[in-house]
Amino acid sequence: MWEEILKAIPVCLSSMIKFIFGPIGGYAAGLNLVTTVVATVMGMMTVVLGFTYFGNWLKRTLFERFFKDRKRFTVGNRRFVNIWRRYGMTGVAALTPIILTPIGGTLLALSSGSPKEKIILYMFVSAVVWSVVLSSVVYFFGNEIIPEIMR
């Protein structure tokens, strides 16, 4: 059991950065499918909860201290606004694991002014659905897909 937990920690940490790294890392580590799904969801939700509840503190302490001369409206900001207008909270939560990173999707949802509970719920549902789908694809088709990528 401890060996499985120790193998799941890097999967959780890697899915905090980019969601797809969780299922691929779990498959590479030889974890059980359920353990990979749980570790991947835990990784994304750690980022979502951390930025949702401590985002203002990070903004005050880090960003305002180091990035004082930041421009307000940039091309990147405009892209985020367009994504939000087109898809809303549901779309942002659905796109976060696939296109956006957990960090980027959470920051986009927070900047829209959505309630924290709604952000957490939508991101959790999205993380569970995408984790099951992506982990299943990697585990069932991994032997055919991954060796081709490595060549």
N, C-alpha and C. Protein backbone atom coordinates (compact mmCIF):
# COMPACT_ATOMS: atom_id res chain seq x y z
N MET A 1 0.82 -1.19 0.00
CA MET A 1 0.00 0.00 0.00
C MET A 1 0.87 1.27 0.00
N TRP A 2 1.92 1.29 0.84
CA TRP A 2 2.78 2.47 0.91
C TRP A 2 3.51 2.69 -0.40
N GLU A 3 3.85 1.60 -1.07
CA GLU A 3 4.52 1.72 -2.36
C GLU A 3 3.61 2.39 -3.39
N GLU A 4 2.33 2.01 -3.37
CA GLU A 4 1.35 2.60 -4.28
C GLU A 4 1.17 4.10 -3.98
N ILE A 5 1.14 4.46 -2.71
CA ILE A 5 0.98 5.87 -2.33
C ILE A 5 2.22 6.66 -2.74
N LEU A 6 3.39 6.10 -2.53
CA LEU A 6 4.62 6.81 -2.91
C LEU A 6 4.73 6.98 -4.42
N LYS A 7 4.22 6.03 -5.18
CA LYS A 7 4.21 6.16 -6.64
C LYS A 7 3.18 7.19 -7.09
N ALA A 8 2.12 7.38 -6.30
CA ALA A 8 1.04 8.30 -6.68
C ALA A 8 1.41 9.76 -6.43
N ILE A 9 2.35 10.01 -5.55
CA ILE A 9 2.72 11.40 -5.23
C ILE A 9 3.27 12.15 -6.45
N PRO A 10 4.21 11.58 -7.22
CA PRO A 10 4.66 12.30 -8.42
C PRO A 10 3.56 12.48 -9.47
N VAL A 11 2.63 11.53 -9.53
CA VAL A 11 1.50 11.66 -10.45
C VAL A 11 0.65 12.86 -10.05
N CYS A 12 0.40 12.98 -8.77
CA CYS A 12 -0.38 14.12 -8.25
C CYS A 12 0.35 15.44 -8.52
N LEU A 13 1.63 15.47 -8.26
CA LEU A 13 2.41 16.69 -8.46
C LEU A 13 2.49 17.08 -9.93
N SER A 14 2.64 16.11 -10.80
CA SER A 14 2.74 16.43 -12.23
C SER A 14 1.40 16.88 -12.81
N SER A 15 0.30 16.35 -12.29
CA SER A 15 -1.00 16.80 -12.79
C SER A 15 -1.38 18.18 -12.26
N MET A 16 -0.64 18.69 -11.30
CA MET A 16 -0.85 20.06 -10.86
C MET A 16 -0.37 21.05 -11.91
N ILE A 17 0.63 20.66 -12.68
CA ILE A 17 1.20 21.53 -13.70
C ILE A 17 0.43 21.39 -15.01
N LYS A 18 0.30 20.17 -15.49
CA LYS A 18 -0.44 19.89 -16.72
C LYS A 18 -1.22 18.61 -16.49
N PHE A 19 -2.51 18.65 -16.76
CA PHE A 19 -3.42 17.57 -16.39
C PHE A 19 -3.06 16.24 -17.04
N ILE A 20 -2.67 16.25 -18.29
CA ILE A 20 -2.40 15.00 -19.01
C ILE A 20 -1.19 14.27 -18.46
N PHE A 21 -0.30 14.97 -17.76
CA PHE A 21 0.86 14.31 -17.16
C PHE A 21 0.45 13.29 -16.09
N GLY A 22 -0.71 13.48 -15.47
CA GLY A 22 -1.19 12.54 -14.45
C GLY A 22 -1.47 11.16 -15.00
N PRO A 23 -2.35 11.02 -15.99
CA PRO A 23 -2.60 9.68 -16.54
C PRO A 23 -1.38 9.03 -17.18
N ILE A 24 -0.57 9.82 -17.88
CA ILE A 24 0.62 9.25 -18.50
C ILE A 24 1.62 8.81 -17.43
N GLY A 25 1.80 9.63 -16.40
CA GLY A 25 2.71 9.27 -15.32
C GLY A 25 2.24 8.07 -14.52
N GLY A 26 0.94 7.97 -14.29
CA GLY A 26 0.40 6.82 -13.58
C GLY A 26 0.57 5.54 -14.37
N TYR A 27 0.39 5.62 -15.67
CA TYR A 27 0.60 4.45 -16.53
C TYR A 27 2.08 4.05 -16.54
N ALA A 28 2.94 5.03 -16.65
CA ALA A 28 4.38 4.75 -16.67
C ALA A 28 4.87 4.18 -15.34
N ALA A 29 4.26 4.62 -14.23
CA ALA A 29 4.67 4.14 -12.91
C ALA A 29 4.08 2.78 -12.58
N GLY A 30 3.14 2.30 -13.39
CA GLY A 30 2.51 1.01 -13.15
C GLY A 30 1.45 1.05 -12.06
N LEU A 31 0.83 2.20 -11.89
CA LEU A 31 -0.23 2.32 -10.89
C LEU A 31 -1.52 1.69 -11.38
N ASN A 32 -2.38 1.41 -10.44
CA ASN A 32 -3.73 0.94 -10.74
C ASN A 32 -4.50 2.09 -11.40
N LEU A 33 -5.46 1.77 -12.26
CA LEU A 33 -6.25 2.80 -12.95
C LEU A 33 -6.98 3.70 -11.97
N VAL A 34 -7.56 3.13 -10.94
CA VAL A 34 -8.30 3.94 -9.95
C VAL A 34 -7.36 4.86 -9.19
N THR A 35 -6.19 4.37 -8.84
CA THR A 35 -5.21 5.20 -8.14
C THR A 35 -4.76 6.36 -9.02
N THR A 36 -4.59 6.10 -10.30
CA THR A 36 -4.20 7.16 -11.23
C THR A 36 -5.29 8.22 -11.34
N VAL A 37 -6.54 7.80 -11.42
CA VAL A 37 -7.65 8.74 -11.51
C VAL A 37 -7.71 9.60 -10.25
N VAL A 38 -7.61 8.98 -9.09
CA VAL A 38 -7.68 9.73 -7.82
C VAL A 38 -6.50 10.69 -7.69
N ALA A 39 -5.30 10.25 -8.03
CA ALA A 39 -4.12 11.12 -7.91
C ALA A 39 -4.20 12.29 -8.89
N THR A 40 -4.72 12.05 -10.08
CA THR A 40 -4.85 13.13 -11.06
C THR A 40 -5.86 14.16 -10.60
N VAL A 41 -6.99 13.70 -10.09
CA VAL A 41 -8.01 14.63 -9.59
C VAL A 41 -7.47 15.40 -8.38
N MET A 42 -6.75 14.72 -7.51
CA MET A 42 -6.16 15.40 -6.35
C MET A 42 -5.18 16.48 -6.77
N GLY A 43 -4.40 16.22 -7.79
CA GLY A 43 -3.44 17.21 -8.26
C GLY A 43 -4.12 18.46 -8.77
N MET A 44 -5.14 18.28 -9.63
CA MET A 44 -5.83 19.45 -10.17
C MET A 44 -6.57 20.20 -9.07
N MET A 45 -7.24 19.47 -8.19
CA MET A 45 -8.03 20.14 -7.17
C MET A 45 -7.16 20.82 -6.11
N THR A 46 -5.94 20.36 -5.92
CA THR A 46 -5.02 21.05 -5.02
C THR A 46 -4.72 22.45 -5.56
N VAL A 47 -4.48 22.53 -6.86
CA VAL A 47 -4.23 23.83 -7.48
C VAL A 47 -5.48 24.70 -7.43
N VAL A 48 -6.62 24.12 -7.74
CA VAL A 48 -7.87 24.88 -7.75
C VAL A 48 -8.17 25.43 -6.36
N LEU A 49 -8.07 24.59 -5.34
CA LEU A 49 -8.34 25.05 -3.98
C LEU A 49 -7.30 26.07 -3.52
N GLY A 50 -6.05 25.81 -3.85
CA GLY A 50 -4.99 26.74 -3.43
C GLY A 50 -5.16 28.12 -4.03
N PHE A 51 -5.40 28.18 -5.33
CA PHE A 51 -5.57 29.49 -5.97
C PHE A 51 -6.90 30.13 -5.62
N THR A 52 -7.92 29.33 -5.39
CA THR A 52 -9.22 29.91 -5.05
C THR A 52 -9.19 30.58 -3.68
N TYR A 53 -8.57 29.94 -2.72
CA TYR A 53 -8.59 30.49 -1.37
C TYR A 53 -7.36 31.34 -1.03
N PHE A 54 -6.24 31.14 -1.70
CA PHE A 54 -5.04 31.91 -1.39
C PHE A 54 -4.59 32.78 -2.56
N GLY A 55 -5.42 32.92 -3.57
CA GLY A 55 -5.07 33.70 -4.74
C GLY A 55 -4.87 35.18 -4.45
N ASN A 56 -5.74 35.74 -3.62
CA ASN A 56 -5.59 37.16 -3.27
C ASN A 56 -4.31 37.42 -2.50
N TRP A 57 -3.97 36.50 -1.61
CA TRP A 57 -2.73 36.64 -0.86
C TRP A 57 -1.52 36.57 -1.79
N LEU A 58 -1.54 35.61 -2.73
CA LEU A 58 -0.45 35.52 -3.70
C LEU A 58 -0.34 36.77 -4.54
N LYS A 59 -1.49 37.30 -4.93
CA LYS A 59 -1.49 38.50 -5.75
C LYS A 59 -0.88 39.68 -4.99
N ARG A 60 -1.25 39.83 -3.73
CA ARG A 60 -0.73 40.93 -2.94
C ARG A 60 0.76 40.77 -2.65
N THR A 61 1.18 39.59 -2.29
CA THR A 61 2.56 39.42 -1.84
C THR A 61 3.55 39.24 -2.98
N LEU A 62 3.20 38.48 -3.98
CA LEU A 62 4.17 38.19 -5.04
C LEU A 62 4.03 39.09 -6.25
N PHE A 63 2.85 39.10 -6.84
CA PHE A 63 2.70 39.78 -8.12
C PHE A 63 2.83 41.29 -8.00
N GLU A 64 2.27 41.88 -6.98
CA GLU A 64 2.36 43.34 -6.84
C GLU A 64 3.78 43.76 -6.45
N ARG A 65 4.51 42.89 -5.81
CA ARG A 65 5.87 43.21 -5.41
C ARG A 65 6.83 43.10 -6.59
N PHE A 66 6.69 42.06 -7.39
CA PHE A 66 7.65 41.81 -8.46
C PHE A 66 7.21 42.32 -9.82
N PHE A 67 5.93 42.50 -10.03
CA PHE A 67 5.43 42.92 -11.34
C PHE A 67 4.64 44.22 -11.23
N LYS A 68 5.29 45.27 -10.77
CA LYS A 68 4.60 46.55 -10.57
C LYS A 68 4.27 47.24 -11.88
N ASP A 69 5.13 47.11 -12.87
CA ASP A 69 4.94 47.82 -14.13
C ASP A 69 4.25 46.94 -15.17
N ARG A 70 3.19 46.28 -14.77
CA ARG A 70 2.49 45.38 -15.66
C ARG A 70 1.41 46.12 -16.42
N LYS A 71 1.29 45.84 -17.72
CA LYS A 71 0.24 46.45 -18.51
C LYS A 71 -1.08 45.73 -18.22
N ARG A 72 -2.15 46.47 -18.18
CA ARG A 72 -3.45 45.90 -17.84
C ARG A 72 -4.05 45.11 -19.00
N PHE A 73 -4.04 45.66 -20.20
CA PHE A 73 -4.69 45.00 -21.33
C PHE A 73 -3.64 44.56 -22.33
N THR A 74 -3.50 43.25 -22.46
CA THR A 74 -2.56 42.69 -23.40
C THR A 74 -3.31 41.72 -24.32
N VAL A 75 -2.61 41.19 -25.28
CA VAL A 75 -3.22 40.23 -26.20
C VAL A 75 -3.65 38.98 -25.44
N GLY A 76 -2.85 38.53 -24.49
CA GLY A 76 -3.20 37.36 -23.68
C GLY A 76 -4.44 37.60 -22.84
N ASN A 77 -4.54 38.77 -22.25
CA ASN A 77 -5.74 39.10 -21.48
C ASN A 77 -6.97 39.10 -22.36
N ARG A 78 -6.84 39.62 -23.55
CA ARG A 78 -7.97 39.67 -24.47
C ARG A 78 -8.43 38.26 -24.84
N ARG A 79 -7.48 37.34 -25.02
CA ARG A 79 -7.84 35.94 -25.32
C ARG A 79 -8.64 35.33 -24.18
N PHE A 80 -8.21 35.59 -22.94
CA PHE A 80 -8.95 35.07 -21.80
C PHE A 80 -10.37 35.61 -21.75
N VAL A 81 -10.52 36.88 -22.04
CA VAL A 81 -11.85 37.50 -22.05
C VAL A 81 -12.72 36.87 -23.13
N ASN A 82 -12.14 36.62 -24.29
CA ASN A 82 -12.91 36.00 -25.37
C ASN A 82 -13.32 34.57 -25.01
N ILE A 83 -12.44 33.82 -24.38
CA ILE A 83 -12.80 32.46 -23.95
C ILE A 83 -13.94 32.53 -22.94
N TRP A 84 -13.85 33.46 -21.99
CA TRP A 84 -14.88 33.56 -20.97
C TRP A 84 -16.23 33.96 -21.59
N ARG A 85 -16.23 34.92 -22.47
CA ARG A 85 -17.48 35.36 -23.10
C ARG A 85 -18.10 34.25 -23.94
N ARG A 86 -17.27 33.49 -24.61
CA ARG A 86 -17.78 32.45 -25.51
C ARG A 86 -18.30 31.24 -24.74
N TYR A 87 -17.59 30.78 -23.70
CA TYR A 87 -17.91 29.51 -23.07
C TYR A 87 -18.47 29.62 -21.66
N GLY A 88 -18.20 30.69 -20.94
CA GLY A 88 -18.69 30.82 -19.58
C GLY A 88 -17.97 29.91 -18.61
N MET A 89 -18.51 29.80 -17.41
CA MET A 89 -17.87 29.00 -16.36
C MET A 89 -17.86 27.52 -16.71
N THR A 90 -18.93 27.02 -17.28
CA THR A 90 -18.99 25.60 -17.66
C THR A 90 -17.95 25.28 -18.71
N GLY A 91 -17.82 26.11 -19.70
CA GLY A 91 -16.84 25.87 -20.75
C GLY A 91 -15.41 25.98 -20.26
N VAL A 92 -15.15 26.94 -19.40
CA VAL A 92 -13.80 27.10 -18.86
C VAL A 92 -13.43 25.87 -18.03
N ALA A 93 -14.37 25.40 -17.22
CA ALA A 93 -14.10 24.21 -16.41
C ALA A 93 -13.88 22.98 -17.30
N ALA A 94 -14.64 22.88 -18.38
CA ALA A 94 -14.48 21.73 -19.28
C ALA A 94 -13.18 21.81 -20.07
N LEU A 95 -12.74 23.01 -20.42
CA LEU A 95 -11.52 23.18 -21.21
C LEU A 95 -10.24 23.17 -20.36
N THR A 96 -10.37 23.37 -19.06
CA THR A 96 -9.20 23.48 -18.20
C THR A 96 -8.29 22.25 -18.27
N PRO A 97 -8.78 21.03 -18.11
CA PRO A 97 -7.85 19.89 -18.15
C PRO A 97 -7.24 19.65 -19.53
N ILE A 98 -7.95 19.99 -20.58
CA ILE A 98 -7.48 19.64 -21.92
C ILE A 98 -6.61 20.74 -22.52
N ILE A 99 -7.11 21.95 -22.58
CA ILE A 99 -6.41 23.04 -23.26
C ILE A 99 -5.67 23.93 -22.27
N LEU A 100 -6.39 24.40 -21.28
CA LEU A 100 -5.78 25.26 -20.27
C LEU A 100 -5.10 24.39 -19.22
N THR A 101 -4.18 24.91 -18.50
CA THR A 101 -3.62 24.18 -17.38
C THR A 101 -4.52 24.38 -16.17
N PRO A 102 -4.39 23.55 -15.13
CA PRO A 102 -5.20 23.80 -13.93
C PRO A 102 -4.98 25.20 -13.36
N ILE A 103 -3.77 25.71 -13.45
CA ILE A 103 -3.48 27.05 -12.96
C ILE A 103 -4.17 28.09 -13.82
N GLY A 104 -4.02 27.99 -15.13
CA GLY A 104 -4.63 28.96 -16.04
C GLY A 104 -6.14 28.98 -15.99
N GLY A 105 -6.75 27.80 -15.95
CA GLY A 105 -8.21 27.73 -15.87
C GLY A 105 -8.75 28.31 -14.58
N THR A 106 -8.05 28.03 -13.48
CA THR A 106 -8.50 28.56 -12.19
C THR A 106 -8.36 30.08 -12.16
N LEU A 107 -7.25 30.60 -12.65
CA LEU A 107 -7.07 32.05 -12.68
C LEU A 107 -8.10 32.72 -13.57
N LEU A 108 -8.43 32.10 -14.69
CA LEU A 108 -9.46 32.65 -15.57
C LEU A 108 -10.82 32.66 -14.89
N ALA A 109 -11.15 31.58 -14.21
CA ALA A 109 -12.43 31.51 -13.50
C ALA A 109 -12.49 32.52 -12.35
N LEU A 110 -11.39 32.68 -11.64
CA LEU A 110 -11.35 33.64 -10.54
C LEU A 110 -11.45 35.08 -11.03
N SER A 111 -10.81 35.36 -12.14
CA SER A 111 -10.83 36.74 -12.64
C SER A 111 -12.20 37.15 -13.14
N SER A 112 -13.05 36.19 -13.40
CA SER A 112 -14.41 36.51 -13.87
C SER A 112 -15.32 36.93 -12.73
N GLY A 113 -14.93 36.65 -11.51
CA GLY A 113 -15.75 37.03 -10.37
C GLY A 113 -16.78 35.98 -10.00
N SER A 114 -16.62 34.76 -10.47
CA SER A 114 -17.56 33.69 -10.12
C SER A 114 -17.41 33.34 -8.65
N PRO A 115 -18.48 32.84 -8.03
CA PRO A 115 -18.39 32.42 -6.62
C PRO A 115 -17.40 31.26 -6.46
N LYS A 116 -16.69 31.26 -5.36
CA LYS A 116 -15.66 30.24 -5.12
C LYS A 116 -16.24 28.83 -5.10
N GLU A 117 -17.41 28.67 -4.50
CA GLU A 117 -18.03 27.35 -4.42
C GLU A 117 -18.38 26.82 -5.80
N LYS A 118 -18.84 27.70 -6.68
CA LYS A 118 -19.18 27.31 -8.04
C LYS A 118 -17.94 26.90 -8.82
N ILE A 119 -16.86 27.64 -8.65
CA ILE A 119 -15.60 27.31 -9.31
C ILE A 119 -15.12 25.94 -8.86
N ILE A 120 -15.13 25.69 -7.57
CA ILE A 120 -14.65 24.42 -7.04
C ILE A 120 -15.51 23.26 -7.53
N LEU A 121 -16.82 23.42 -7.51
CA LEU A 121 -17.71 22.36 -7.96
C LEU A 121 -17.52 22.05 -9.45
N TYR A 122 -17.51 23.05 -10.28
CA TYR A 122 -17.37 22.84 -11.72
C TYR A 122 -16.01 22.24 -12.06
N MET A 123 -14.96 22.73 -11.42
CA MET A 123 -13.63 22.20 -11.68
C MET A 123 -13.51 20.75 -11.19
N PHE A 124 -14.15 20.43 -10.08
CA PHE A 124 -14.11 19.06 -9.57
C PHE A 124 -14.82 18.10 -10.53
N VAL A 125 -15.99 18.47 -11.00
CA VAL A 125 -16.72 17.62 -11.94
C VAL A 125 -15.91 17.45 -13.22
N SER A 126 -15.34 18.53 -13.71
CA SER A 126 -14.53 18.46 -14.92
C SER A 126 -13.29 17.58 -14.70
N ALA A 127 -12.64 17.71 -13.56
CA ALA A 127 -11.45 16.92 -13.27
C ALA A 127 -11.78 15.43 -13.20
N VAL A 128 -12.89 15.09 -12.57
CA VAL A 128 -13.27 13.68 -12.46
C VAL A 128 -13.58 13.10 -13.83
N VAL A 129 -14.39 13.81 -14.61
CA VAL A 129 -14.77 13.30 -15.94
C VAL A 129 -13.55 13.14 -16.83
N TRP A 130 -12.73 14.18 -16.94
CA TRP A 130 -11.57 14.11 -17.82
C TRP A 130 -10.52 13.13 -17.31
N SER A 131 -10.39 12.99 -16.01
CA SER A 131 -9.43 12.04 -15.48
C SER A 131 -9.83 10.61 -15.81
N VAL A 132 -11.11 10.30 -15.68
CA VAL A 132 -11.59 8.96 -16.04
C VAL A 132 -11.40 8.72 -17.53
N VAL A 133 -11.76 9.70 -18.36
CA VAL A 133 -11.65 9.53 -19.80
C VAL A 133 -10.19 9.38 -20.24
N LEU A 134 -9.35 10.31 -19.83
CA LEU A 134 -7.95 10.28 -20.27
C LEU A 134 -7.19 9.09 -19.70
N SER A 135 -7.43 8.77 -18.43
CA SER A 135 -6.74 7.62 -17.84
C SER A 135 -7.18 6.32 -18.52
N SER A 136 -8.46 6.20 -18.82
CA SER A 136 -8.95 5.00 -19.51
C SER A 136 -8.32 4.87 -20.89
N VAL A 137 -8.25 5.97 -21.61
CA VAL A 137 -7.63 5.93 -22.94
C VAL A 137 -6.16 5.54 -22.84
N VAL A 138 -5.45 6.14 -21.91
CA VAL A 138 -4.02 5.83 -21.76
C VAL A 138 -3.83 4.38 -21.32
N TYR A 139 -4.64 3.89 -20.39
CA TYR A 139 -4.45 2.53 -19.89
C TYR A 139 -4.88 1.47 -20.90
N PHE A 140 -5.96 1.73 -21.65
CA PHE A 140 -6.43 0.72 -22.58
C PHE A 140 -5.69 0.75 -23.92
N PHE A 141 -5.22 1.90 -24.33
CA PHE A 141 -4.53 2.01 -25.61
C PHE A 141 -3.06 2.40 -25.45
N GLY A 142 -2.55 2.39 -24.24
CA GLY A 142 -1.19 2.83 -23.98
C GLY A 142 -0.12 1.99 -24.64
N ASN A 143 -0.35 0.68 -24.69
CA ASN A 143 0.65 -0.20 -25.31
C ASN A 143 0.80 0.07 -26.79
N GLU A 144 -0.26 0.52 -27.44
CA GLU A 144 -0.19 0.81 -28.87
C GLU A 144 0.28 2.23 -29.16
N ILE A 145 -0.07 3.16 -28.30
CA ILE A 145 0.20 4.57 -28.56
C ILE A 145 1.58 5.01 -28.04
N ILE A 146 1.88 4.71 -26.82
CA ILE A 146 3.08 5.25 -26.19
C ILE A 146 4.37 4.73 -26.83
N PRO A 147 4.50 3.44 -27.18
CA PRO A 147 5.75 3.05 -27.85
C PRO A 147 5.97 3.76 -29.18
N GLU A 148 4.91 4.11 -29.89
CA GLU A 148 5.05 4.83 -31.16
C GLU A 148 5.58 6.24 -30.93
N ILE A 149 5.18 6.85 -29.85
CA ILE A 149 5.64 8.20 -29.55
C ILE A 149 7.11 8.18 -29.16
N MET A 150 7.54 7.15 -28.48
CA MET A 150 8.91 7.05 -28.01
C MET A 150 9.92 6.81 -29.12
N ARG A 151 9.48 6.34 -30.27
CA ARG A 151 10.42 6.02 -31.36
C ARG A 151 10.91 7.23 -32.07
